[in-house]
Amino acid sequence: MNQVKPPLKVTLHLKTCALVSAVVLASVSTAALLEGRVRSSLHRRELERRGVALAEAAAYVASSPSAARDNLMVQGLLAGLVRPDGAPRAAALCDVAGVVLLHSNPELQGSTLVDLVPPPESTRVAEEAGPDGARVLLVATPVFRDSEPAGSLRVEVSLKALDLEAAAAAERALWACGALLLLAAGAAFLFARPLTRALGKLA
């Protein structure tokens, strides 16, 4: 059985180190990416549930006879739904033609939301890019008066915080992978030596 020459041993050792390092890095990076996606998905579901709950509760109040006679009360209700973190970031009450009757931002009253013509038959959730480029969940639910469709109520839930969180998680995962790559390279160098010797004896 031929003995492996020193240069070949070095080459074999380096290849073994690279292989072990690649396997470790791939495993860690895959786990980090999957964890980030799972957390992002759970957070999005929570934001969607919150938006649906708030929209349906506000629509129930707006459907009451007293609300029909008290725009100031409904205006205060819509403004009270808005939160500093953008979940929700805006709320609007529209008629059957999609005209904004009341809005958490009074300057937008009188505008038309074409996607609410006609009003939705039940609560629906859509996602689109907002004016600032950040993703927004649009939760729309019908409003009834005397059991007849009277319009719709829409709540906008910003996903900007979710996107920032995902970007931060990806950056942390990148740094962690870099650090683990160095550790894996060191560990592979140590663990590859016995394997190299064994392969050298077989060569």
N, C-alpha and C. Protein backbone atom coordinates (compact mmCIF):
# COMPACT_ATOMS: atom_id res chain seq x y z
N MET A 1 0.86 -1.20 0.00
CA MET A 1 0.00 0.00 0.00
C MET A 1 0.89 1.24 0.00
N ASN A 2 0.64 2.14 -0.93
CA ASN A 2 1.49 3.32 -1.07
C ASN A 2 1.21 4.32 0.02
N GLN A 3 2.26 4.99 0.45
CA GLN A 3 2.11 6.01 1.48
C GLN A 3 1.79 7.34 0.82
N VAL A 4 0.87 8.10 1.40
CA VAL A 4 0.49 9.40 0.85
C VAL A 4 1.62 10.38 1.05
N LYS A 5 1.95 11.09 -0.01
CA LYS A 5 3.02 12.08 0.07
C LYS A 5 2.56 13.28 0.88
N PRO A 6 3.48 13.99 1.55
CA PRO A 6 3.11 15.15 2.38
C PRO A 6 2.24 16.18 1.66
N PRO A 7 2.57 16.61 0.41
CA PRO A 7 1.71 17.61 -0.25
C PRO A 7 0.28 17.12 -0.42
N LEU A 8 0.14 15.80 -0.72
CA LEU A 8 -1.20 15.25 -0.88
C LEU A 8 -1.94 15.23 0.45
N LYS A 9 -1.20 14.96 1.53
CA LYS A 9 -1.82 14.98 2.85
C LYS A 9 -2.36 16.36 3.18
N VAL A 10 -1.55 17.37 2.87
CA VAL A 10 -1.99 18.75 3.13
C VAL A 10 -3.22 19.09 2.33
N THR A 11 -3.21 18.70 1.05
CA THR A 11 -4.38 18.97 0.20
C THR A 11 -5.62 18.26 0.71
N LEU A 12 -5.46 17.00 1.07
CA LEU A 12 -6.58 16.23 1.61
C LEU A 12 -7.10 16.82 2.90
N HIS A 13 -6.19 17.27 3.74
CA HIS A 13 -6.58 17.88 5.01
C HIS A 13 -7.39 19.16 4.77
N LEU A 14 -6.91 19.99 3.86
CA LEU A 14 -7.61 21.25 3.58
C LEU A 14 -8.99 20.99 2.98
N LYS A 15 -9.08 20.01 2.09
CA LYS A 15 -10.38 19.70 1.50
C LYS A 15 -11.35 19.18 2.55
N THR A 16 -10.84 18.37 3.47
CA THR A 16 -11.70 17.86 4.53
C THR A 16 -12.19 19.00 5.43
N CYS A 17 -11.28 19.92 5.76
CA CYS A 17 -11.66 21.10 6.57
C CYS A 17 -12.74 21.91 5.88
N ALA A 18 -12.55 22.13 4.57
CA ALA A 18 -13.52 22.92 3.82
C ALA A 18 -14.87 22.23 3.78
N LEU A 19 -14.88 20.92 3.61
CA LEU A 19 -16.13 20.18 3.56
C LEU A 19 -16.88 20.24 4.88
N VAL A 20 -16.14 20.01 5.98
CA VAL A 20 -16.78 20.06 7.30
C VAL A 20 -17.31 21.46 7.59
N SER A 21 -16.52 22.48 7.25
CA SER A 21 -16.95 23.87 7.47
C SER A 21 -18.20 24.19 6.66
N ALA A 22 -18.22 23.73 5.41
CA ALA A 22 -19.38 24.00 4.55
C ALA A 22 -20.64 23.35 5.09
N VAL A 23 -20.51 22.12 5.59
CA VAL A 23 -21.67 21.41 6.14
C VAL A 23 -22.20 22.13 7.37
N VAL A 24 -21.29 22.55 8.26
CA VAL A 24 -21.71 23.25 9.47
C VAL A 24 -22.36 24.58 9.13
N LEU A 25 -21.74 25.34 8.21
CA LEU A 25 -22.29 26.64 7.84
C LEU A 25 -23.66 26.50 7.18
N ALA A 26 -23.81 25.52 6.30
CA ALA A 26 -25.09 25.32 5.63
C ALA A 26 -26.18 24.95 6.64
N SER A 27 -25.84 24.11 7.60
CA SER A 27 -26.82 23.71 8.61
C SER A 27 -27.26 24.88 9.47
N VAL A 28 -26.28 25.68 9.92
CA VAL A 28 -26.58 26.81 10.80
C VAL A 28 -27.36 27.89 10.05
N SER A 29 -26.93 28.22 8.83
CA SER A 29 -27.61 29.27 8.08
C SER A 29 -29.04 28.86 7.72
N THR A 30 -29.24 27.59 7.37
CA THR A 30 -30.60 27.11 7.06
C THR A 30 -31.50 27.20 8.29
N ALA A 31 -30.97 26.79 9.43
CA ALA A 31 -31.76 26.86 10.67
C ALA A 31 -32.11 28.30 11.01
N ALA A 32 -31.14 29.22 10.83
CA ALA A 32 -31.38 30.63 11.15
C ALA A 32 -32.44 31.23 10.23
N LEU A 33 -32.37 30.90 8.94
CA LEU A 33 -33.34 31.43 7.99
C LEU A 33 -34.74 30.90 8.27
N LEU A 34 -34.83 29.60 8.58
CA LEU A 34 -36.13 29.01 8.88
C LEU A 34 -36.74 29.62 10.14
N GLU A 35 -35.90 29.85 11.16
CA GLU A 35 -36.40 30.46 12.38
C GLU A 35 -36.91 31.88 12.12
N GLY A 36 -36.17 32.64 11.31
CA GLY A 36 -36.60 33.99 10.98
C GLY A 36 -37.92 34.01 10.24
N ARG A 37 -38.09 33.08 9.31
CA ARG A 37 -39.34 33.02 8.55
C ARG A 37 -40.52 32.63 9.43
N VAL A 38 -40.29 31.69 10.32
CA VAL A 38 -41.36 31.26 11.22
C VAL A 38 -41.79 32.41 12.13
N ARG A 39 -40.81 33.12 12.70
CA ARG A 39 -41.14 34.24 13.57
C ARG A 39 -41.87 35.33 12.82
N SER A 40 -41.42 35.61 11.58
CA SER A 40 -42.07 36.64 10.77
C SER A 40 -43.50 36.24 10.44
N SER A 41 -43.71 34.96 10.13
CA SER A 41 -45.05 34.48 9.80
C SER A 41 -45.98 34.58 11.00
N LEU A 42 -45.49 34.21 12.18
CA LEU A 42 -46.31 34.28 13.38
C LEU A 42 -46.66 35.73 13.72
N HIS A 43 -45.70 36.63 13.57
CA HIS A 43 -45.94 38.04 13.87
C HIS A 43 -46.97 38.61 12.90
N ARG A 44 -46.86 38.23 11.63
CA ARG A 44 -47.82 38.73 10.63
C ARG A 44 -49.23 38.24 10.95
N ARG A 45 -49.35 36.97 11.35
CA ARG A 45 -50.67 36.44 11.71
C ARG A 45 -51.25 37.20 12.90
N GLU A 46 -50.40 37.52 13.86
CA GLU A 46 -50.88 38.27 15.02
C GLU A 46 -51.37 39.65 14.62
N LEU A 47 -50.62 40.33 13.74
CA LEU A 47 -51.04 41.64 13.26
C LEU A 47 -52.35 41.54 12.48
N GLU A 48 -52.49 40.49 11.69
CA GLU A 48 -53.73 40.31 10.92
C GLU A 48 -54.91 40.06 11.84
N ARG A 49 -54.72 39.22 12.85
CA ARG A 49 -55.81 38.96 13.81
C ARG A 49 -56.21 40.24 14.53
N ARG A 50 -55.21 41.04 14.91
CA ARG A 50 -55.51 42.29 15.59
C ARG A 50 -56.29 43.22 14.68
N GLY A 51 -55.88 43.33 13.42
CA GLY A 51 -56.57 44.20 12.48
C GLY A 51 -58.00 43.76 12.24
N VAL A 52 -58.22 42.46 12.09
CA VAL A 52 -59.58 41.94 11.87
C VAL A 52 -60.46 42.20 13.09
N ALA A 53 -59.91 41.94 14.27
CA ALA A 53 -60.70 42.14 15.49
C ALA A 53 -61.10 43.60 15.66
N LEU A 54 -60.16 44.51 15.44
CA LEU A 54 -60.46 45.94 15.59
C LEU A 54 -61.44 46.42 14.53
N ALA A 55 -61.26 45.97 13.30
CA ALA A 55 -62.16 46.39 12.22
C ALA A 55 -63.58 45.92 12.47
N GLU A 56 -63.74 44.67 12.87
CA GLU A 56 -65.09 44.14 13.10
C GLU A 56 -65.75 44.77 14.31
N ALA A 57 -64.97 45.05 15.35
CA ALA A 57 -65.54 45.72 16.52
C ALA A 57 -65.98 47.14 16.18
N ALA A 58 -65.14 47.85 15.43
CA ALA A 58 -65.49 49.23 15.04
C ALA A 58 -66.69 49.25 14.10
N ALA A 59 -66.76 48.26 13.19
CA ALA A 59 -67.90 48.19 12.27
C ALA A 59 -69.20 47.92 13.03
N TYR A 60 -69.11 47.10 14.06
CA TYR A 60 -70.30 46.81 14.88
C TYR A 60 -70.82 48.09 15.54
N VAL A 61 -69.88 48.88 16.07
CA VAL A 61 -70.28 50.14 16.70
C VAL A 61 -70.84 51.10 15.66
N ALA A 62 -70.16 51.17 14.48
CA ALA A 62 -70.61 52.09 13.43
C ALA A 62 -71.96 51.69 12.85
N SER A 63 -72.34 50.43 13.01
CA SER A 63 -73.64 49.97 12.50
C SER A 63 -74.80 50.31 13.42
N SER A 64 -74.52 50.77 14.62
CA SER A 64 -75.58 51.06 15.58
C SER A 64 -76.33 52.32 15.19
N PRO A 65 -77.62 52.40 15.52
CA PRO A 65 -78.41 53.60 15.20
C PRO A 65 -77.83 54.87 15.82
N SER A 66 -77.28 54.76 17.02
CA SER A 66 -76.71 55.95 17.66
C SER A 66 -75.51 56.47 16.90
N ALA A 67 -74.72 55.57 16.32
CA ALA A 67 -73.56 55.99 15.55
C ALA A 67 -73.97 56.73 14.29
N ALA A 68 -75.09 56.33 13.71
CA ALA A 68 -75.57 57.01 12.50
C ALA A 68 -75.91 58.46 12.77
N ARG A 69 -76.22 58.79 14.03
CA ARG A 69 -76.58 60.17 14.37
C ARG A 69 -75.45 60.93 15.04
N ASP A 70 -74.32 60.25 15.26
CA ASP A 70 -73.24 60.89 16.01
C ASP A 70 -71.90 60.69 15.30
N ASN A 71 -71.64 61.52 14.30
CA ASN A 71 -70.39 61.42 13.55
C ASN A 71 -69.19 61.71 14.43
N LEU A 72 -69.36 62.57 15.40
CA LEU A 72 -68.23 62.92 16.27
C LEU A 72 -67.77 61.71 17.06
N MET A 73 -68.75 60.90 17.49
CA MET A 73 -68.41 59.69 18.24
C MET A 73 -67.64 58.70 17.36
N VAL A 74 -68.13 58.51 16.13
CA VAL A 74 -67.47 57.59 15.21
C VAL A 74 -66.09 58.10 14.83
N GLN A 75 -65.99 59.42 14.64
CA GLN A 75 -64.68 60.00 14.32
C GLN A 75 -63.67 59.72 15.45
N GLY A 76 -64.14 59.88 16.68
CA GLY A 76 -63.27 59.60 17.82
C GLY A 76 -62.91 58.12 17.89
N LEU A 77 -63.86 57.26 17.52
CA LEU A 77 -63.60 55.82 17.52
C LEU A 77 -62.50 55.48 16.52
N LEU A 78 -62.60 56.04 15.32
CA LEU A 78 -61.60 55.76 14.29
C LEU A 78 -60.22 56.28 14.69
N ALA A 79 -60.21 57.47 15.24
CA ALA A 79 -58.93 58.05 15.67
C ALA A 79 -58.32 57.24 16.81
N GLY A 80 -59.19 56.67 17.66
CA GLY A 80 -58.69 55.89 18.79
C GLY A 80 -58.11 54.54 18.39
N LEU A 81 -58.43 54.08 17.19
CA LEU A 81 -57.89 52.81 16.73
C LEU A 81 -56.41 52.92 16.34
N VAL A 82 -56.00 54.11 15.94
CA VAL A 82 -54.63 54.31 15.43
C VAL A 82 -53.62 54.22 16.57
N ARG A 83 -52.53 53.49 16.31
CA ARG A 83 -51.48 53.32 17.31
C ARG A 83 -50.15 53.85 16.78
N PRO A 84 -49.28 54.29 17.66
CA PRO A 84 -47.98 54.83 17.21
C PRO A 84 -47.15 53.84 16.41
N ASP A 85 -47.31 52.53 16.69
CA ASP A 85 -46.51 51.54 15.97
C ASP A 85 -47.10 51.17 14.62
N GLY A 86 -48.23 51.83 14.26
CA GLY A 86 -48.81 51.60 12.95
C GLY A 86 -49.69 50.38 12.84
N ALA A 87 -50.04 49.79 13.98
CA ALA A 87 -50.89 48.59 13.95
C ALA A 87 -52.12 48.81 14.83
N PRO A 88 -53.16 49.47 14.28
CA PRO A 88 -53.30 50.02 12.94
C PRO A 88 -52.67 51.43 12.81
N ARG A 89 -52.55 51.86 11.55
CA ARG A 89 -52.03 53.20 11.29
C ARG A 89 -53.11 54.15 10.77
N ALA A 90 -54.25 53.59 10.32
CA ALA A 90 -55.35 54.43 9.83
C ALA A 90 -56.64 53.61 9.84
N ALA A 91 -57.78 54.34 9.88
CA ALA A 91 -59.09 53.69 9.82
C ALA A 91 -60.05 54.62 9.11
N ALA A 92 -60.96 54.03 8.32
CA ALA A 92 -61.89 54.84 7.53
C ALA A 92 -63.26 54.19 7.47
N LEU A 93 -64.30 55.02 7.46
CA LEU A 93 -65.68 54.58 7.28
C LEU A 93 -66.15 55.10 5.93
N CYS A 94 -66.60 54.19 5.05
CA CYS A 94 -67.01 54.57 3.70
C CYS A 94 -68.48 54.22 3.48
N ASP A 95 -69.10 54.92 2.50
CA ASP A 95 -70.46 54.56 2.12
C ASP A 95 -70.42 53.50 1.03
N VAL A 96 -71.56 53.13 0.47
CA VAL A 96 -71.61 52.05 -0.51
C VAL A 96 -70.89 52.41 -1.81
N ALA A 97 -70.66 53.70 -2.04
CA ALA A 97 -69.95 54.15 -3.24
C ALA A 97 -68.45 54.27 -2.99
N GLY A 98 -68.00 53.88 -1.81
CA GLY A 98 -66.58 53.94 -1.50
C GLY A 98 -66.09 55.31 -1.09
N VAL A 99 -67.00 56.26 -0.93
CA VAL A 99 -66.61 57.61 -0.50
C VAL A 99 -66.32 57.60 1.00
N VAL A 100 -65.18 58.15 1.38
CA VAL A 100 -64.78 58.17 2.78
C VAL A 100 -65.62 59.21 3.53
N LEU A 101 -66.51 58.72 4.40
CA LEU A 101 -67.34 59.62 5.19
C LEU A 101 -66.57 60.16 6.39
N LEU A 102 -65.86 59.26 7.07
CA LEU A 102 -65.07 59.64 8.24
C LEU A 102 -63.74 58.91 8.18
N HIS A 103 -62.69 59.57 8.66
CA HIS A 103 -61.35 58.99 8.59
C HIS A 103 -60.58 59.38 9.84
N SER A 104 -59.68 58.52 10.26
CA SER A 104 -58.83 58.87 11.41
C SER A 104 -57.99 60.10 11.11
N ASN A 105 -57.74 60.33 9.82
CA ASN A 105 -57.10 61.57 9.37
C ASN A 105 -58.15 62.39 8.63
N PRO A 106 -58.74 63.39 9.27
CA PRO A 106 -59.85 64.14 8.65
C PRO A 106 -59.53 64.71 7.28
N GLU A 107 -58.27 64.91 6.96
CA GLU A 107 -57.92 65.48 5.66
C GLU A 107 -58.26 64.53 4.51
N LEU A 108 -58.41 63.26 4.79
CA LEU A 108 -58.70 62.28 3.75
C LEU A 108 -60.19 62.03 3.56
N GLN A 109 -61.03 62.70 4.35
CA GLN A 109 -62.48 62.56 4.19
C GLN A 109 -62.92 63.15 2.86
N GLY A 110 -63.81 62.44 2.21
CA GLY A 110 -64.29 62.88 0.90
C GLY A 110 -63.60 62.18 -0.26
N SER A 111 -62.49 61.52 0.00
CA SER A 111 -61.82 60.76 -1.05
C SER A 111 -62.57 59.46 -1.30
N THR A 112 -62.21 58.75 -2.36
CA THR A 112 -62.90 57.52 -2.72
C THR A 112 -61.94 56.34 -2.70
N LEU A 113 -62.36 55.25 -2.08
CA LEU A 113 -61.59 54.02 -2.07
C LEU A 113 -62.27 53.04 -3.02
N VAL A 114 -61.73 52.97 -4.23
CA VAL A 114 -62.38 52.20 -5.30
C VAL A 114 -62.43 50.71 -4.99
N ASP A 115 -61.49 50.23 -4.16
CA ASP A 115 -61.50 48.79 -3.85
C ASP A 115 -62.63 48.42 -2.90
N LEU A 116 -63.35 49.42 -2.39
CA LEU A 116 -64.49 49.15 -1.51
C LEU A 116 -65.82 49.39 -2.21
N VAL A 117 -65.80 49.34 -3.54
CA VAL A 117 -67.02 49.48 -4.35
C VAL A 117 -67.22 48.17 -5.13
N PRO A 118 -68.24 47.41 -4.80
CA PRO A 118 -69.17 47.57 -3.69
C PRO A 118 -68.53 47.15 -2.37
N PRO A 119 -69.21 47.40 -1.26
CA PRO A 119 -68.67 46.98 0.04
C PRO A 119 -68.48 45.47 0.09
N PRO A 120 -67.51 44.99 0.83
CA PRO A 120 -67.31 43.53 0.93
C PRO A 120 -68.49 42.85 1.62
N GLU A 121 -68.77 41.63 1.22
CA GLU A 121 -69.86 40.89 1.84
C GLU A 121 -69.46 40.38 3.22
N SER A 122 -68.17 40.19 3.42
CA SER A 122 -67.66 39.74 4.71
C SER A 122 -66.26 40.32 4.88
N THR A 123 -65.67 40.12 6.04
CA THR A 123 -64.35 40.67 6.31
C THR A 123 -63.32 40.07 5.34
N ARG A 124 -62.51 40.93 4.76
CA ARG A 124 -61.47 40.46 3.86
C ARG A 124 -60.17 41.19 4.17
N VAL A 125 -59.06 40.51 3.87
CA VAL A 125 -57.74 41.06 4.15
C VAL A 125 -56.92 41.04 2.87
N ALA A 126 -56.31 42.17 2.55
CA ALA A 126 -55.44 42.27 1.38
C ALA A 126 -54.13 42.92 1.80
N GLU A 127 -53.12 42.74 1.00
CA GLU A 127 -51.81 43.34 1.28
C GLU A 127 -51.34 44.13 0.08
N GLU A 128 -50.82 45.31 0.32
CA GLU A 128 -50.28 46.13 -0.76
C GLU A 128 -49.17 47.02 -0.23
N ALA A 129 -48.46 47.66 -1.15
CA ALA A 129 -47.39 48.57 -0.75
C ALA A 129 -47.97 49.95 -0.46
N GLY A 130 -47.59 50.53 0.67
CA GLY A 130 -48.07 51.86 1.03
C GLY A 130 -47.30 52.95 0.31
N PRO A 131 -47.68 54.20 0.51
CA PRO A 131 -47.00 55.33 -0.14
C PRO A 131 -45.49 55.38 0.16
N ASP A 132 -45.10 54.90 1.35
CA ASP A 132 -43.69 54.92 1.72
C ASP A 132 -42.95 53.66 1.30
N GLY A 133 -43.63 52.78 0.56
CA GLY A 133 -43.01 51.56 0.09
C GLY A 133 -43.14 50.39 1.05
N ALA A 134 -43.56 50.65 2.28
CA ALA A 134 -43.71 49.58 3.27
C ALA A 134 -45.01 48.82 3.00
N ARG A 135 -45.01 47.54 3.34
CA ARG A 135 -46.20 46.72 3.15
C ARG A 135 -47.30 47.11 4.16
N VAL A 136 -48.55 47.00 3.70
CA VAL A 136 -49.69 47.37 4.52
C VAL A 136 -50.77 46.32 4.38
N LEU A 137 -51.34 45.91 5.50
CA LEU A 137 -52.51 45.03 5.48
C LEU A 137 -53.77 45.89 5.45
N LEU A 138 -54.65 45.63 4.51
CA LEU A 138 -55.92 46.35 4.41
C LEU A 138 -57.04 45.41 4.85
N VAL A 139 -57.62 45.70 6.00
CA VAL A 139 -58.70 44.87 6.54
C VAL A 139 -60.01 45.62 6.37
N ALA A 140 -60.90 45.09 5.54
CA ALA A 140 -62.18 45.73 5.27
C ALA A 140 -63.32 44.82 5.70
N THR A 141 -64.33 45.43 6.32
CA THR A 141 -65.48 44.66 6.78
C THR A 141 -66.75 45.47 6.54
N PRO A 142 -67.89 44.83 6.25
CA PRO A 142 -69.11 45.58 5.93
C PRO A 142 -69.73 46.26 7.15
N VAL A 143 -70.45 47.33 6.86
CA VAL A 143 -71.22 48.05 7.86
C VAL A 143 -72.69 47.98 7.44
N PHE A 144 -73.56 47.64 8.38
CA PHE A 144 -74.99 47.50 8.07
C PHE A 144 -75.81 48.53 8.86
N ARG A 145 -76.86 48.98 8.24
CA ARG A 145 -77.85 49.83 8.92
C ARG A 145 -79.23 49.27 8.60
N ASP A 146 -79.98 48.91 9.63
CA ASP A 146 -81.31 48.30 9.44
C ASP A 146 -81.21 47.04 8.58
N SER A 147 -80.17 46.25 8.85
CA SER A 147 -79.92 44.97 8.16
C SER A 147 -79.59 45.14 6.68
N GLU A 148 -79.35 46.36 6.23
CA GLU A 148 -79.00 46.61 4.84
C GLU A 148 -77.55 47.11 4.77
N PRO A 149 -76.81 46.73 3.72
CA PRO A 149 -75.43 47.23 3.57
C PRO A 149 -75.41 48.75 3.50
N ALA A 150 -74.63 49.37 4.35
CA ALA A 150 -74.55 50.83 4.38
C ALA A 150 -73.16 51.34 4.02
N GLY A 151 -72.23 50.43 3.84
CA GLY A 151 -70.87 50.86 3.52
C GLY A 151 -69.87 49.86 4.08
N SER A 152 -68.72 50.35 4.38
CA SER A 152 -67.67 49.47 4.90
C SER A 152 -66.74 50.25 5.82
N LEU A 153 -66.05 49.51 6.63
CA LEU A 153 -65.05 50.10 7.51
C LEU A 153 -63.71 49.42 7.22
N ARG A 154 -62.69 50.22 6.99
CA ARG A 154 -61.38 49.66 6.66
C ARG A 154 -60.32 50.12 7.64
N VAL A 155 -59.49 49.17 8.04
CA VAL A 155 -58.38 49.43 8.94
C VAL A 155 -57.08 49.10 8.20
N GLU A 156 -56.11 49.99 8.28
CA GLU A 156 -54.81 49.77 7.65
C GLU A 156 -53.78 49.42 8.74
N VAL A 157 -53.15 48.28 8.56
CA VAL A 157 -52.14 47.82 9.52
C VAL A 157 -50.78 47.82 8.83
N SER A 158 -49.88 48.65 9.31
CA SER A 158 -48.55 48.74 8.71
C SER A 158 -47.71 47.52 9.07
N LEU A 159 -46.99 47.01 8.07
CA LEU A 159 -46.06 45.89 8.28
C LEU A 159 -44.61 46.38 8.27
N LYS A 160 -44.42 47.68 8.40
CA LYS A 160 -43.07 48.23 8.36
C LYS A 160 -42.22 47.69 9.51
N ALA A 161 -42.80 47.64 10.70
CA ALA A 161 -42.05 47.12 11.86
C ALA A 161 -41.68 45.66 11.64
N LEU A 162 -42.58 44.91 10.99
CA LEU A 162 -42.30 43.50 10.69
C LEU A 162 -41.16 43.37 9.71
N ASP A 163 -41.14 44.24 8.68
CA ASP A 163 -40.07 44.20 7.69
C ASP A 163 -38.73 44.58 8.32
N LEU A 164 -38.75 45.58 9.21
CA LEU A 164 -37.52 45.99 9.89
C LEU A 164 -37.01 44.87 10.79
N GLU A 165 -37.94 44.20 11.45
CA GLU A 165 -37.57 43.08 12.33
C GLU A 165 -36.94 41.95 11.52
N ALA A 166 -37.52 41.67 10.33
CA ALA A 166 -36.99 40.60 9.48
C ALA A 166 -35.59 40.96 8.98
N ALA A 167 -35.40 42.24 8.62
CA ALA A 167 -34.08 42.67 8.15
C ALA A 167 -33.05 42.58 9.27
N ALA A 168 -33.44 42.97 10.47
CA ALA A 168 -32.53 42.89 11.62
C ALA A 168 -32.18 41.44 11.94
N ALA A 169 -33.17 40.56 11.84
CA ALA A 169 -32.93 39.14 12.10
C ALA A 169 -31.98 38.55 11.06
N ALA A 170 -32.16 38.96 9.80
CA ALA A 170 -31.26 38.47 8.75
C ALA A 170 -29.83 38.95 8.98
N GLU A 171 -29.70 40.20 9.44
CA GLU A 171 -28.36 40.73 9.71
C GLU A 171 -27.71 39.99 10.88
N ARG A 172 -28.50 39.72 11.92
CA ARG A 172 -27.95 38.97 13.06
C ARG A 172 -27.53 37.56 12.63
N ALA A 173 -28.36 36.95 11.78
CA ALA A 173 -28.03 35.61 11.30
C ALA A 173 -26.75 35.62 10.48
N LEU A 174 -26.54 36.69 9.70
CA LEU A 174 -25.33 36.80 8.89
C LEU A 174 -24.09 36.90 9.76
N TRP A 175 -24.18 37.73 10.79
CA TRP A 175 -23.04 37.86 11.71
C TRP A 175 -22.79 36.55 12.45
N ALA A 176 -23.87 35.92 12.86
CA ALA A 176 -23.72 34.64 13.57
C ALA A 176 -23.09 33.58 12.68
N CYS A 177 -23.49 33.56 11.41
CA CYS A 177 -22.92 32.59 10.48
C CYS A 177 -21.43 32.87 10.26
N GLY A 178 -21.07 34.15 10.20
CA GLY A 178 -19.66 34.49 10.04
C GLY A 178 -18.83 34.01 11.21
N ALA A 179 -19.36 34.25 12.42
CA ALA A 179 -18.63 33.81 13.62
C ALA A 179 -18.56 32.29 13.69
N LEU A 180 -19.67 31.64 13.36
CA LEU A 180 -19.67 30.18 13.40
C LEU A 180 -18.78 29.58 12.33
N LEU A 181 -18.66 30.30 11.20
CA LEU A 181 -17.77 29.81 10.15
C LEU A 181 -16.33 29.75 10.64
N LEU A 182 -15.93 30.78 11.38
CA LEU A 182 -14.57 30.78 11.93
C LEU A 182 -14.39 29.64 12.93
N LEU A 183 -15.40 29.47 13.79
CA LEU A 183 -15.32 28.37 14.76
C LEU A 183 -15.33 27.02 14.07
N ALA A 184 -16.17 26.91 13.04
CA ALA A 184 -16.26 25.64 12.31
C ALA A 184 -14.95 25.33 11.60
N ALA A 185 -14.32 26.38 11.06
CA ALA A 185 -13.04 26.16 10.38
C ALA A 185 -11.98 25.65 11.36
N GLY A 186 -11.97 26.25 12.56
CA GLY A 186 -11.02 25.80 13.58
C GLY A 186 -11.31 24.37 14.04
N ALA A 187 -12.60 24.10 14.26
CA ALA A 187 -12.97 22.76 14.70
C ALA A 187 -12.71 21.73 13.60
N ALA A 188 -12.99 22.12 12.36
CA ALA A 188 -12.75 21.20 11.25
C ALA A 188 -11.28 20.89 11.10
N PHE A 189 -10.44 21.90 11.34
CA PHE A 189 -8.99 21.69 11.25
C PHE A 189 -8.54 20.63 12.25
N LEU A 190 -9.11 20.68 13.45
CA LEU A 190 -8.72 19.72 14.48
C LEU A 190 -9.30 18.34 14.21
N PHE A 191 -10.59 18.28 13.85
CA PHE A 191 -11.23 16.99 13.65
C PHE A 191 -10.83 16.33 12.34
N ALA A 192 -10.36 17.13 11.38
CA ALA A 192 -10.00 16.55 10.09
C ALA A 192 -8.67 15.82 10.13
N ARG A 193 -7.83 16.14 11.11
CA ARG A 193 -6.51 15.52 11.16
C ARG A 193 -6.59 14.00 11.31
N PRO A 194 -7.39 13.48 12.27
CA PRO A 194 -7.50 12.02 12.36
C PRO A 194 -8.06 11.38 11.10
N LEU A 195 -9.05 12.08 10.49
CA LEU A 195 -9.64 11.55 9.27
C LEU A 195 -8.62 11.52 8.14
N THR A 196 -7.80 12.55 8.08
CA THR A 196 -6.77 12.61 7.04
C THR A 196 -5.77 11.48 7.20
N ARG A 197 -5.37 11.23 8.45
CA ARG A 197 -4.42 10.13 8.72
C ARG A 197 -5.02 8.80 8.28
N ALA A 198 -6.31 8.62 8.62
CA ALA A 198 -6.95 7.34 8.26
C ALA A 198 -7.01 7.17 6.75
N LEU A 199 -7.37 8.23 6.04
CA LEU A 199 -7.43 8.18 4.58
C LEU A 199 -6.05 7.98 4.00
N GLY A 200 -5.06 8.57 4.66
CA GLY A 200 -3.69 8.41 4.18
C GLY A 200 -3.22 6.97 4.27
N LYS A 201 -3.64 6.28 5.29
CA LYS A 201 -3.26 4.87 5.43
C LYS A 201 -3.95 3.99 4.41
N LEU A 202 -5.15 4.43 3.98
CA LEU A 202 -5.88 3.64 3.00
C LEU A 202 -5.41 3.89 1.58
N ALA A 203 -4.75 5.05 1.37
CA ALA A 203 -4.32 5.41 0.02
C ALA A 203 -3.12 4.57 -0.45
